[in-house]
PDB file of N, CA and C in Angstrom:
ATOM      1  N   UNK A   1     197.752 113.059 133.071  1.00  0.00           N
ATOM      2  CA  UNK A   1     197.878 112.694 134.475  1.00  0.00           C
ATOM      3  C   UNK A   1     196.647 111.911 134.918  1.00  0.00           C
ATOM      4  N   UNK A   2     195.473 112.376 134.536  1.00  0.00           N
ATOM      5  CA  UNK A   2     194.250 111.687 134.953  1.00  0.00           C
ATOM      6  C   UNK A   2     194.237 110.261 134.433  1.00  0.00           C
ATOM      7  N   UNK A   3     194.675 110.063 133.201  1.00  0.00           N
ATOM      8  CA  UNK A   3     194.736 108.720 132.621  1.00  0.00           C
ATOM      9  C   UNK A   3     195.714 107.850 133.397  1.00  0.00           C
ATOM     10  N   UNK A   4     196.872 108.405 133.708  1.00  0.00           N
ATOM     11  CA  UNK A   4     197.879 107.674 134.485  1.00  0.00           C
ATOM     12  C   UNK A   4     197.313 107.251 135.837  1.00  0.00           C
ATOM     13  N   UNK A   5     196.635 108.151 136.525  1.00  0.00           N
ATOM     14  CA  UNK A   5     196.047 107.832 137.834  1.00  0.00           C
ATOM     15  C   UNK A   5     194.964 106.760 137.708  1.00  0.00           C
ATOM     16  N   UNK A   6     194.181 106.820 136.651  1.00  0.00           N
ATOM     17  CA  UNK A   6     193.150 105.799 136.415  1.00  0.00           C
ATOM     18  C   UNK A   6     193.796 104.439 136.154  1.00  0.00           C
ATOM     19  N   UNK A   7     194.867 104.425 135.377  1.00  0.00           N
ATOM     20  CA  UNK A   7     195.573 103.171 135.097  1.00  0.00           C
ATOM     21  C   UNK A   7     196.156 102.579 136.371  1.00  0.00           C
ATOM     22  N   UNK A   8     196.696 103.419 137.229  1.00  0.00           N
ATOM     23  CA  UNK A   8     197.234 102.949 138.509  1.00  0.00           C
ATOM     24  C   UNK A   8     196.125 102.317 139.339  1.00  0.00           C
ATOM     25  N   UNK A   9     194.981 102.969 139.361  1.00  0.00           N
ATOM     26  CA  UNK A   9     193.844 102.475 140.134  1.00  0.00           C
ATOM     27  C   UNK A   9     193.383 101.117 139.605  1.00  0.00           C
ATOM     28  N   UNK A  10     193.308 100.991 138.288  1.00  0.00           N
ATOM     29  CA  UNK A  10     192.909  99.721 137.659  1.00  0.00           C
ATOM     30  C   UNK A  10     193.874  98.596 138.009  1.00  0.00           C
ATOM     31  N   UNK A  11     195.153  98.917 138.101  1.00  0.00           N
ATOM     32  CA  UNK A  11     196.190  97.930 138.428  1.00  0.00           C
ATOM     33  C   UNK A  11     196.356  97.739 139.931  1.00  0.00           C
ATOM     34  N   UNK A  12     195.600  98.498 140.719  1.00  0.00           N
ATOM     35  CA  UNK A  12     195.773  98.509 142.184  1.00  0.00           C
ATOM     36  C   UNK A  12     197.219  98.825 142.544  1.00  0.00           C
ATOM     37  N   UNK A  13     197.750  99.824 141.894  1.00  0.00           N
ATOM     38  CA  UNK A  13     199.143 100.210 142.040  1.00  0.00           C
ATOM     39  C   UNK A  13     199.213 101.669 142.485  1.00  0.00           C
ATOM     40  N   UNK A  14     200.125 101.975 143.373  1.00  0.00           N
ATOM     41  CA  UNK A  14     200.318 103.360 143.796  1.00  0.00           C
ATOM     42  C   UNK A  14     200.974 104.147 142.663  1.00  0.00           C
ATOM     43  N   UNK A  15     200.580 105.409 142.492  1.00  0.00           N
ATOM     44  CA  UNK A  15     201.203 106.210 141.436  1.00  0.00           C
ATOM     45  C   UNK A  15     202.719 106.342 141.610  1.00  0.00           C
ATOM     46  N   UNK A  16     203.154 106.485 142.841  1.00  0.00           N
ATOM     47  CA  UNK A  16     204.588 106.504 143.142  1.00  0.00           C
ATOM     48  C   UNK A  16     204.867 105.262 143.987  1.00  0.00           C
ATOM     49  N   UNK A  17     205.584 104.339 143.413  1.00  0.00           N
ATOM     50  CA  UNK A  17     205.834 103.048 144.063  1.00  0.00           C
ATOM     51  C   UNK A  17     206.710 103.215 145.303  1.00  0.00           C
ATOM     52  N   UNK A  18     206.510 102.349 146.268  1.00  0.00           N
ATOM     53  CA  UNK A  18     207.256 102.441 147.534  1.00  0.00           C
ATOM     54  C   UNK A  18     208.765 102.323 147.349  1.00  0.00           C
ATOM     55  N   UNK A  19     209.191 101.621 146.305  1.00  0.00           N
ATOM     56  CA  UNK A  19     210.619 101.431 146.051  1.00  0.00           C
ATOM     57  C   UNK A  19     211.213 102.527 145.169  1.00  0.00           C
ATOM     58  N   UNK A  20     210.432 103.544 144.854  1.00  0.00           N
ATOM     59  CA  UNK A  20     210.907 104.610 143.969  1.00  0.00           C
ATOM     60  C   UNK A  20     212.096 105.333 144.598  1.00  0.00           C
ATOM     61  N   UNK A  21     213.042 105.699 143.780  1.00  0.00           N
ATOM     62  CA  UNK A  21     214.258 106.367 144.256  1.00  0.00           C
ATOM     63  C   UNK A  21     213.993 107.763 144.809  1.00  0.00           C
ATOM     64  N   UNK A  22     212.829 108.316 144.543  1.00  0.00           N
ATOM     65  CA  UNK A  22     212.509 109.648 145.076  1.00  0.00           C
ATOM     66  C   UNK A  22     212.526 109.638 146.607  1.00  0.00           C
ATOM     67  N   UNK A  23     212.163 108.509 147.194  1.00  0.00           N
ATOM     68  CA  UNK A  23     212.156 108.411 148.653  1.00  0.00           C
ATOM     69  C   UNK A  23     213.573 108.388 149.215  1.00  0.00           C
ATOM     70  N   UNK A  24     214.487 107.711 148.527  1.00  0.00           N
ATOM     71  CA  UNK A  24     215.895 107.713 148.938  1.00  0.00           C
ATOM     72  C   UNK A  24     216.474 109.120 148.827  1.00  0.00           C
ATOM     73  N   UNK A  25     216.149 109.787 147.727  1.00  0.00           N
ATOM     74  CA  UNK A  25     216.630 111.149 147.520  1.00  0.00           C
ATOM     75  C   UNK A  25     216.139 112.070 148.635  1.00  0.00           C
ATOM     76  N   UNK A  26     214.864 111.975 148.942  1.00  0.00           N
ATOM     77  CA  UNK A  26     214.291 112.816 149.998  1.00  0.00           C
ATOM     78  C   UNK A  26     214.980 112.545 151.340  1.00  0.00           C
ATOM     79  N   UNK A  27     215.199 111.285 151.642  1.00  0.00           N
ATOM     80  CA  UNK A  27     215.856 110.932 152.900  1.00  0.00           C
ATOM     81  C   UNK A  27     217.286 111.478 152.953  1.00  0.00           C
ATOM     82  N   UNK A  28     218.025 111.336 151.860  1.00  0.00           N
ATOM     83  CA  UNK A  28     219.413 111.808 151.816  1.00  0.00           C
ATOM     84  C   UNK A  28     219.521 113.326 151.930  1.00  0.00           C
ATOM     85  N   UNK A  29     218.534 114.024 151.396  1.00  0.00           N
ATOM     86  CA  UNK A  29     218.598 115.483 151.394  1.00  0.00           C
ATOM     87  C   UNK A  29     217.841 116.123 152.545  1.00  0.00           C
ATOM     88  N   UNK A  30     217.171 115.308 153.355  1.00  0.00           N
ATOM     89  CA  UNK A  30     216.476 115.831 154.524  1.00  0.00           C
ATOM     90  C   UNK A  30     215.098 116.399 154.257  1.00  0.00           C
ATOM     91  N   UNK A  31     214.502 116.011 153.124  1.00  0.00           N
ATOM     92  CA  UNK A  31     213.139 116.460 152.817  1.00  0.00           C
ATOM     93  C   UNK A  31     212.177 115.547 153.575  1.00  0.00           C
ATOM     94  N   UNK A  32     211.414 116.094 154.500  1.00  0.00           N
ATOM     95  CA  UNK A  32     210.505 115.263 155.290  1.00  0.00           C
ATOM     96  C   UNK A  32     209.401 114.613 154.441  1.00  0.00           C
ATOM     97  N   UNK A  33     208.921 113.484 154.912  1.00  0.00           N
ATOM     98  CA  UNK A  33     207.853 112.766 154.205  1.00  0.00           C
ATOM     99  C   UNK A  33     206.629 113.643 153.969  1.00  0.00           C
ATOM    100  N   UNK A  34     206.290 114.487 154.943  1.00  0.00           N
ATOM    101  CA  UNK A  34     205.088 115.320 154.779  1.00  0.00           C
ATOM    102  C   UNK A  34     205.292 116.378 153.681  1.00  0.00           C
ATOM    103  N   UNK A  35     206.519 116.815 153.462  1.00  0.00           N
ATOM    104  CA  UNK A  35     206.788 117.769 152.384  1.00  0.00           C
ATOM    105  C   UNK A  35     206.715 117.057 151.031  1.00  0.00           C
ATOM    106  N   UNK A  36     207.189 115.816 151.015  1.00  0.00           N
ATOM    107  CA  UNK A  36     207.107 115.011 149.804  1.00  0.00           C
ATOM    108  C   UNK A  36     205.640 114.751 149.452  1.00  0.00           C
ATOM    109  N   UNK A  37     204.845 114.468 150.470  1.00  0.00           N
ATOM    110  CA  UNK A  37     203.390 114.276 150.267  1.00  0.00           C
ATOM    111  C   UNK A  37     202.757 115.557 149.737  1.00  0.00           C
ATOM    112  N   UNK A  38     203.114 116.685 150.303  1.00  0.00           N
ATOM    113  CA  UNK A  38     202.583 117.964 149.848  1.00  0.00           C
ATOM    114  C   UNK A  38     202.980 118.222 148.396  1.00  0.00           C
ATOM    115  N   UNK A  39     204.209 117.898 148.068  1.00  0.00           N
ATOM    116  CA  UNK A  39     204.682 118.074 146.690  1.00  0.00           C
ATOM    117  C   UNK A  39     203.840 117.204 145.746  1.00  0.00           C
ATOM    118  N   UNK A  40     203.564 115.961 146.145  1.00  0.00           N
ATOM    119  CA  UNK A  40     202.740 115.076 145.323  1.00  0.00           C
ATOM    120  C   UNK A  40     201.339 115.674 145.122  1.00  0.00           C
ATOM    121  N   UNK A  41     200.740 116.183 146.174  1.00  0.00           N
ATOM    122  CA  UNK A  41     199.401 116.770 146.070  1.00  0.00           C
ATOM    123  C   UNK A  41     199.399 117.963 145.113  1.00  0.00           C
ATOM    124  N   UNK A  42     200.421 118.787 145.216  1.00  0.00           N
ATOM    125  CA  UNK A  42     200.523 119.952 144.333  1.00  0.00           C
ATOM    126  C   UNK A  42     200.798 119.512 142.892  1.00  0.00           C
ATOM    127  N   UNK A  43     201.664 118.542 142.722  1.00  0.00           N
ATOM    128  CA  UNK A  43     201.995 117.983 141.405  1.00  0.00           C
ATOM    129  C   UNK A  43     200.728 117.448 140.744  1.00  0.00           C
ATOM    130  N   UNK A  44     200.002 116.649 141.479  1.00  0.00           N
ATOM    131  CA  UNK A  44     198.774 116.047 140.960  1.00  0.00           C
ATOM    132  C   UNK A  44     197.733 117.116 140.618  1.00  0.00           C
ATOM    133  N   UNK A  45     197.558 118.078 141.489  1.00  0.00           N
ATOM    134  CA  UNK A  45     196.572 119.140 141.252  1.00  0.00           C
ATOM    135  C   UNK A  45     196.924 119.951 140.001  1.00  0.00           C
ATOM    136  N   UNK A  46     198.173 120.300 139.873  1.00  0.00           N
ATOM    137  CA  UNK A  46     198.585 121.129 138.727  1.00  0.00           C
ATOM    138  C   UNK A  46     198.464 120.391 137.407  1.00  0.00           C
ATOM    139  N   UNK A  47     198.844 119.116 137.395  1.00  0.00           N
ATOM    140  CA  UNK A  47     198.841 118.375 136.139  1.00  0.00           C
ATOM    141  C   UNK A  47     197.497 117.719 135.816  1.00  0.00           C
ATOM    142  N   UNK A  48     196.549 117.816 136.727  1.00  0.00           N
ATOM    143  CA  UNK A  48     195.194 117.357 136.429  1.00  0.00           C
ATOM    144  C   UNK A  48     194.321 118.503 135.916  1.00  0.00           C
ATOM    145  N   UNK A  49     194.845 119.712 135.927  1.00  0.00           N
ATOM    146  CA  UNK A  49     194.092 120.868 135.435  1.00  0.00           C
ATOM    147  C   UNK A  49     193.905 120.774 133.927  1.00  0.00           C
ATOM    148  N   UNK A  50     192.826 121.347 133.469  1.00  0.00           N
ATOM    149  CA  UNK A  50     192.545 121.422 132.032  1.00  0.00           C
ATOM    150  C   UNK A  50     193.681 122.155 131.326  1.00  0.00           C
ATOM    151  N   UNK A  51     194.165 121.589 130.248  1.00  0.00           N
ATOM    152  CA  UNK A  51     195.222 122.222 129.464  1.00  0.00           C
ATOM    153  C   UNK A  51     196.621 122.062 130.016  1.00  0.00           C
ATOM    154  N   UNK A  52     196.773 121.269 131.083  1.00  0.00           N
ATOM    155  CA  UNK A  52     198.101 121.066 131.681  1.00  0.00           C
ATOM    156  C   UNK A  52     198.989 120.264 130.729  1.00  0.00           C
ATOM    157  N   UNK A  53     200.268 120.451 130.886  1.00  0.00           N
ATOM    158  CA  UNK A  53     201.253 119.731 130.090  1.00  0.00           C
ATOM    159  C   UNK A  53     201.117 118.231 130.329  1.00  0.00           C
ATOM    160  N   UNK A  54     201.406 117.451 129.296  1.00  0.00           N
ATOM    161  CA  UNK A  54     201.317 115.988 129.397  1.00  0.00           C
ATOM    162  C   UNK A  54     202.712 115.380 129.278  1.00  0.00           C
ATOM    163  N   UNK A  55     202.881 114.269 129.965  1.00  0.00           N
ATOM    164  CA  UNK A  55     204.147 113.542 129.916  1.00  0.00           C
ATOM    165  C   UNK A  55     203.865 112.056 129.718  1.00  0.00           C
ATOM    166  N   UNK A  56     204.857 111.345 129.212  1.00  0.00           N
ATOM    167  CA  UNK A  56     204.714 109.900 129.016  1.00  0.00           C
ATOM    168  C   UNK A  56     205.004 109.128 130.296  1.00  0.00           C
ATOM    169  N   UNK A  57     205.960 109.606 131.072  1.00  0.00           N
ATOM    170  CA  UNK A  57     206.381 108.891 132.283  1.00  0.00           C
ATOM    171  C   UNK A  57     206.229 109.815 133.487  1.00  0.00           C
ATOM    172  N   UNK A  58     205.071 109.756 134.115  1.00  0.00           N
ATOM    173  CA  UNK A  58     204.767 110.659 135.234  1.00  0.00           C
ATOM    174  C   UNK A  58     205.667 110.425 136.441  1.00  0.00           C
ATOM    175  N   UNK A  59     206.083 109.210 136.655  1.00  0.00           N
ATOM    176  CA  UNK A  59     206.943 108.917 137.812  1.00  0.00           C
ATOM    177  C   UNK A  59     208.299 109.608 137.660  1.00  0.00           C
ATOM    178  N   UNK A  60     208.849 109.550 136.465  1.00  0.00           N
ATOM    179  CA  UNK A  60     210.127 110.220 136.209  1.00  0.00           C
ATOM    180  C   UNK A  60     209.978 111.724 136.365  1.00  0.00           C
ATOM    181  N   UNK A  61     208.901 112.269 135.854  1.00  0.00           N
ATOM    182  CA  UNK A  61     208.669 113.713 135.959  1.00  0.00           C
ATOM    183  C   UNK A  61     208.513 114.113 137.426  1.00  0.00           C
ATOM    184  N   UNK A  62     207.821 113.287 138.210  1.00  0.00           N
ATOM    185  CA  UNK A  62     207.673 113.590 139.633  1.00  0.00           C
ATOM    186  C   UNK A  62     209.044 113.626 140.306  1.00  0.00           C
ATOM    187  N   UNK A  63     209.885 112.624 140.013  1.00  0.00           N
ATOM    188  CA  UNK A  63     211.231 112.586 140.576  1.00  0.00           C
ATOM    189  C   UNK A  63     212.001 113.864 140.233  1.00  0.00           C
ATOM    190  N   UNK A  64     211.940 114.244 138.966  1.00  0.00           N
ATOM    191  CA  UNK A  64     212.638 115.460 138.528  1.00  0.00           C
ATOM    192  C   UNK A  64     212.086 116.695 139.233  1.00  0.00           C
ATOM    193  N   UNK A  65     210.789 116.726 139.422  1.00  0.00           N
ATOM    194  CA  UNK A  65     210.183 117.901 140.063  1.00  0.00           C
ATOM    195  C   UNK A  65     210.595 118.016 141.525  1.00  0.00           C
ATOM    196  N   UNK A  66     210.771 116.880 142.194  1.00  0.00           N
ATOM    197  CA  UNK A  66     211.232 116.904 143.588  1.00  0.00           C
ATOM    198  C   UNK A  66     212.693 117.347 143.625  1.00  0.00           C
ATOM    199  N   UNK A  67     213.520 116.743 142.768  1.00  0.00           N
ATOM    200  CA  UNK A  67     214.951 117.100 142.746  1.00  0.00           C
ATOM    201  C   UNK A  67     215.160 118.575 142.452  1.00  0.00           C
ATOM    202  N   UNK A  68     214.340 119.118 141.573  1.00  0.00           N
ATOM    203  CA  UNK A  68     214.472 120.524 141.201  1.00  0.00           C
ATOM    204  C   UNK A  68     213.623 121.458 142.035  1.00  0.00           C
ATOM    205  N   UNK A  69     212.868 120.892 142.990  1.00  0.00           N
ATOM    206  CA  UNK A  69     211.962 121.690 143.828  1.00  0.00           C
ATOM    207  C   UNK A  69     211.166 122.660 142.947  1.00  0.00           C
ATOM    208  N   UNK A  70     210.561 122.092 141.882  1.00  0.00           N
ATOM    209  CA  UNK A  70     209.874 122.890 140.873  1.00  0.00           C
ATOM    210  C   UNK A  70     208.855 123.858 141.454  1.00  0.00           C
ATOM    211  N   UNK A  71     208.172 123.442 142.498  1.00  0.00           N
ATOM    212  CA  UNK A  71     207.093 124.270 143.034  1.00  0.00           C
ATOM    213  C   UNK A  71     207.566 125.180 144.165  1.00  0.00           C
ATOM    214  N   UNK A  72     208.844 125.087 144.503  1.00  0.00           N
ATOM    215  CA  UNK A  72     209.453 125.932 145.546  1.00  0.00           C
ATOM    216  C   UNK A  72     208.686 125.855 146.870  1.00  0.00           C
ATOM    217  N   UNK A  73     208.357 124.623 147.263  1.00  0.00           N
ATOM    218  CA  UNK A  73     207.574 124.406 148.482  1.00  0.00           C
ATOM    219  C   UNK A  73     208.428 124.431 149.743  1.00  0.00           C
ATOM    220  N   UNK A  74     209.712 124.127 149.623  1.00  0.00           N
ATOM    221  CA  UNK A  74     210.582 124.065 150.802  1.00  0.00           C
ATOM    222  C   UNK A  74     211.916 124.722 150.505  1.00  0.00           C
ATOM    223  N   UNK A  75     212.644 124.963 151.584  1.00  0.00           N
ATOM    224  CA  UNK A  75     214.022 125.419 151.489  1.00  0.00           C
ATOM    225  C   UNK A  75     214.815 124.679 152.545  1.00  0.00           C
ATOM    226  N   UNK A  76     216.104 124.574 152.313  1.00  0.00           N
ATOM    227  CA  UNK A  76     216.977 123.871 153.251  1.00  0.00           C
ATOM    228  C   UNK A  76     218.044 124.854 153.713  1.00  0.00           C
ATOM    229  N   UNK A  77     218.105 125.022 155.019  1.00  0.00           N
ATOM    230  CA  UNK A  77     219.070 125.949 155.599  1.00  0.00           C
ATOM    231  C   UNK A  77     220.472 125.368 155.654  1.00  0.00           C
ATOM    232  N   UNK A  78     221.434 126.211 155.985  1.00  0.00           N
ATOM    233  CA  UNK A  78     222.837 125.798 156.087  1.00  0.00           C
ATOM    234  C   UNK A  78     223.027 124.694 157.123  1.00  0.00           C
ATOM    235  N   UNK A  79     222.125 124.668 158.123  1.00  0.00           N
ATOM    236  CA  UNK A  79     222.218 123.641 159.161  1.00  0.00           C
ATOM    237  C   UNK A  79     221.557 122.332 158.739  1.00  0.00           C
ATOM    238  N   UNK A  80     221.009 122.289 157.512  1.00  0.00           N
ATOM    239  CA  UNK A  80     220.375 121.076 157.001  1.00  0.00           C
ATOM    240  C   UNK A  80     218.890 120.974 157.308  1.00  0.00           C
ATOM    241  N   UNK A  81     218.365 121.911 158.100  1.00  0.00           N
ATOM    242  CA  UNK A  81     216.938 121.887 158.425  1.00  0.00           C
ATOM    243  C   UNK A  81     216.122 122.273 157.194  1.00  0.00           C
ATOM    244  N   UNK A  82     215.046 121.558 156.995  1.00  0.00           N
ATOM    245  CA  UNK A  82     214.167 121.789 155.859  1.00  0.00           C
ATOM    246  C   UNK A  82     212.863 122.399 156.372  1.00  0.00           C
ATOM    247  N   UNK A  83     212.415 123.486 155.744  1.00  0.00           N
ATOM    248  CA  UNK A  83     211.199 124.172 156.172  1.00  0.00           C
ATOM    249  C   UNK A  83     210.398 124.594 154.945  1.00  0.00           C
ATOM    250  N   UNK A  84     209.105 124.773 155.140  1.00  0.00           N
ATOM    251  CA  UNK A  84     208.257 125.223 154.049  1.00  0.00           C
ATOM    252  C   UNK A  84     208.495 126.704 153.762  1.00  0.00           C
ATOM    253  N   UNK A  85     208.430 127.049 152.500  1.00  0.00           N
ATOM    254  CA  UNK A  85     208.471 128.441 152.063  1.00  0.00           C
ATOM    255  C   UNK A  85     207.056 129.004 152.184  1.00  0.00           C
ATOM    256  N   UNK A  86     206.883 130.269 151.838  1.00  0.00           N
ATOM    257  CA  UNK A  86     205.545 130.849 151.803  1.00  0.00           C
ATOM    258  C   UNK A  86     204.668 130.087 150.809  1.00  0.00           C
ATOM    259  N   UNK A  87     205.226 129.744 149.666  1.00  0.00           N
ATOM    260  CA  UNK A  87     204.483 128.974 148.661  1.00  0.00           C
ATOM    261  C   UNK A  87     204.099 127.606 149.232  1.00  0.00           C
ATOM    262  N   UNK A  88     205.001 127.003 149.983  1.00  0.00           N
ATOM    263  CA  UNK A  88     204.718 125.722 150.621  1.00  0.00           C
ATOM    264  C   UNK A  88     203.601 125.820 151.635  1.00  0.00           C
ATOM    265  N   UNK A  89     203.626 126.875 152.423  1.00  0.00           N
ATOM    266  CA  UNK A  89     202.562 127.095 153.405  1.00  0.00           C
ATOM    267  C   UNK A  89     201.220 127.303 152.708  1.00  0.00           C
ATOM    268  N   UNK A  90     201.229 128.045 151.610  1.00  0.00           N
ATOM    269  CA  UNK A  90     199.997 128.247 150.845  1.00  0.00           C
ATOM    270  C   UNK A  90     199.470 126.912 150.324  1.00  0.00           C
ATOM    271  N   UNK A  91     200.356 126.082 149.781  1.00  0.00           N
ATOM    272  CA  UNK A  91     199.949 124.773 149.260  1.00  0.00           C
ATOM    273  C   UNK A  91     199.390 123.905 150.381  1.00  0.00           C
ATOM    274  N   UNK A  92     200.034 123.962 151.543  1.00  0.00           N
ATOM    275  CA  UNK A  92     199.563 123.184 152.692  1.00  0.00           C
ATOM    276  C   UNK A  92     198.147 123.597 153.080  1.00  0.00           C
ATOM    277  N   UNK A  93     197.887 124.889 153.095  1.00  0.00           N
ATOM    278  CA  UNK A  93     196.548 125.379 153.416  1.00  0.00           C
ATOM    279  C   UNK A  93     195.544 124.996 152.331  1.00  0.00           C
ATOM    280  N   UNK A  94     195.963 125.094 151.079  1.00  0.00           N
ATOM    281  CA  UNK A  94     195.079 124.776 149.960  1.00  0.00           C
ATOM    282  C   UNK A  94     194.673 123.304 149.955  1.00  0.00           C
ATOM    283  N   UNK A  95     195.599 122.437 150.350  1.00  0.00           N
ATOM    284  CA  UNK A  95     195.323 121.003 150.340  1.00  0.00           C
ATOM    285  C   UNK A  95     194.725 120.495 151.647  1.00  0.00           C
ATOM    286  N   UNK A  96     194.715 121.361 152.635  1.00  0.00           N
ATOM    287  CA  UNK A  96     194.054 121.045 153.907  1.00  0.00           C
ATOM    288  C   UNK A  96     194.463 119.736 154.527  1.00  0.00           C
ATOM    289  N   UNK A  97     193.486 118.938 154.889  1.00  0.00           N
ATOM    290  CA  UNK A  97     193.729 117.665 155.587  1.00  0.00           C
ATOM    291  C   UNK A  97     194.552 116.689 154.776  1.00  0.00           C
ATOM    292  N   UNK A  98     194.442 116.744 153.446  1.00  0.00           N
ATOM    293  CA  UNK A  98     195.210 115.830 152.604  1.00  0.00           C
ATOM    294  C   UNK A  98     196.706 116.045 152.765  1.00  0.00           C
ATOM    295  N   UNK A  99     197.095 117.253 153.145  1.00  0.00           N
ATOM    296  CA  UNK A  99     198.519 117.586 153.300  1.00  0.00           C
ATOM    297  C   UNK A  99     199.075 117.153 154.650  1.00  0.00           C
ATOM    298  N   UNK A 100     198.217 116.745 155.551  1.00  0.00           N
ATOM    299  CA  UNK A 100     198.666 116.369 156.902  1.00  0.00           C
ATOM    300  C   UNK A 100     199.204 114.956 156.961  1.00  0.00           C
TER     301      UNK A 100
END
């Protein structure tokens, strides 16, 4: 992950491109932008840890992690409203201002 982020920086490229389908998915399913941002912060933190799993295509893995709500940061009610879970609230506190 750290190498991928460094390569993005060298290319002056965002790690998750603005045209990425993850944004369409989030919009269709009602996942707010701030929850998607929180998921990215948690994704980055977890995969930058020493001994973390490595992947060849981080963008694809990020998409899969959002679709599968791997970190269980949010839940969606029957009325379609999306809210943070306890784990999501913890992540929001852990990431502080970056999560805002």
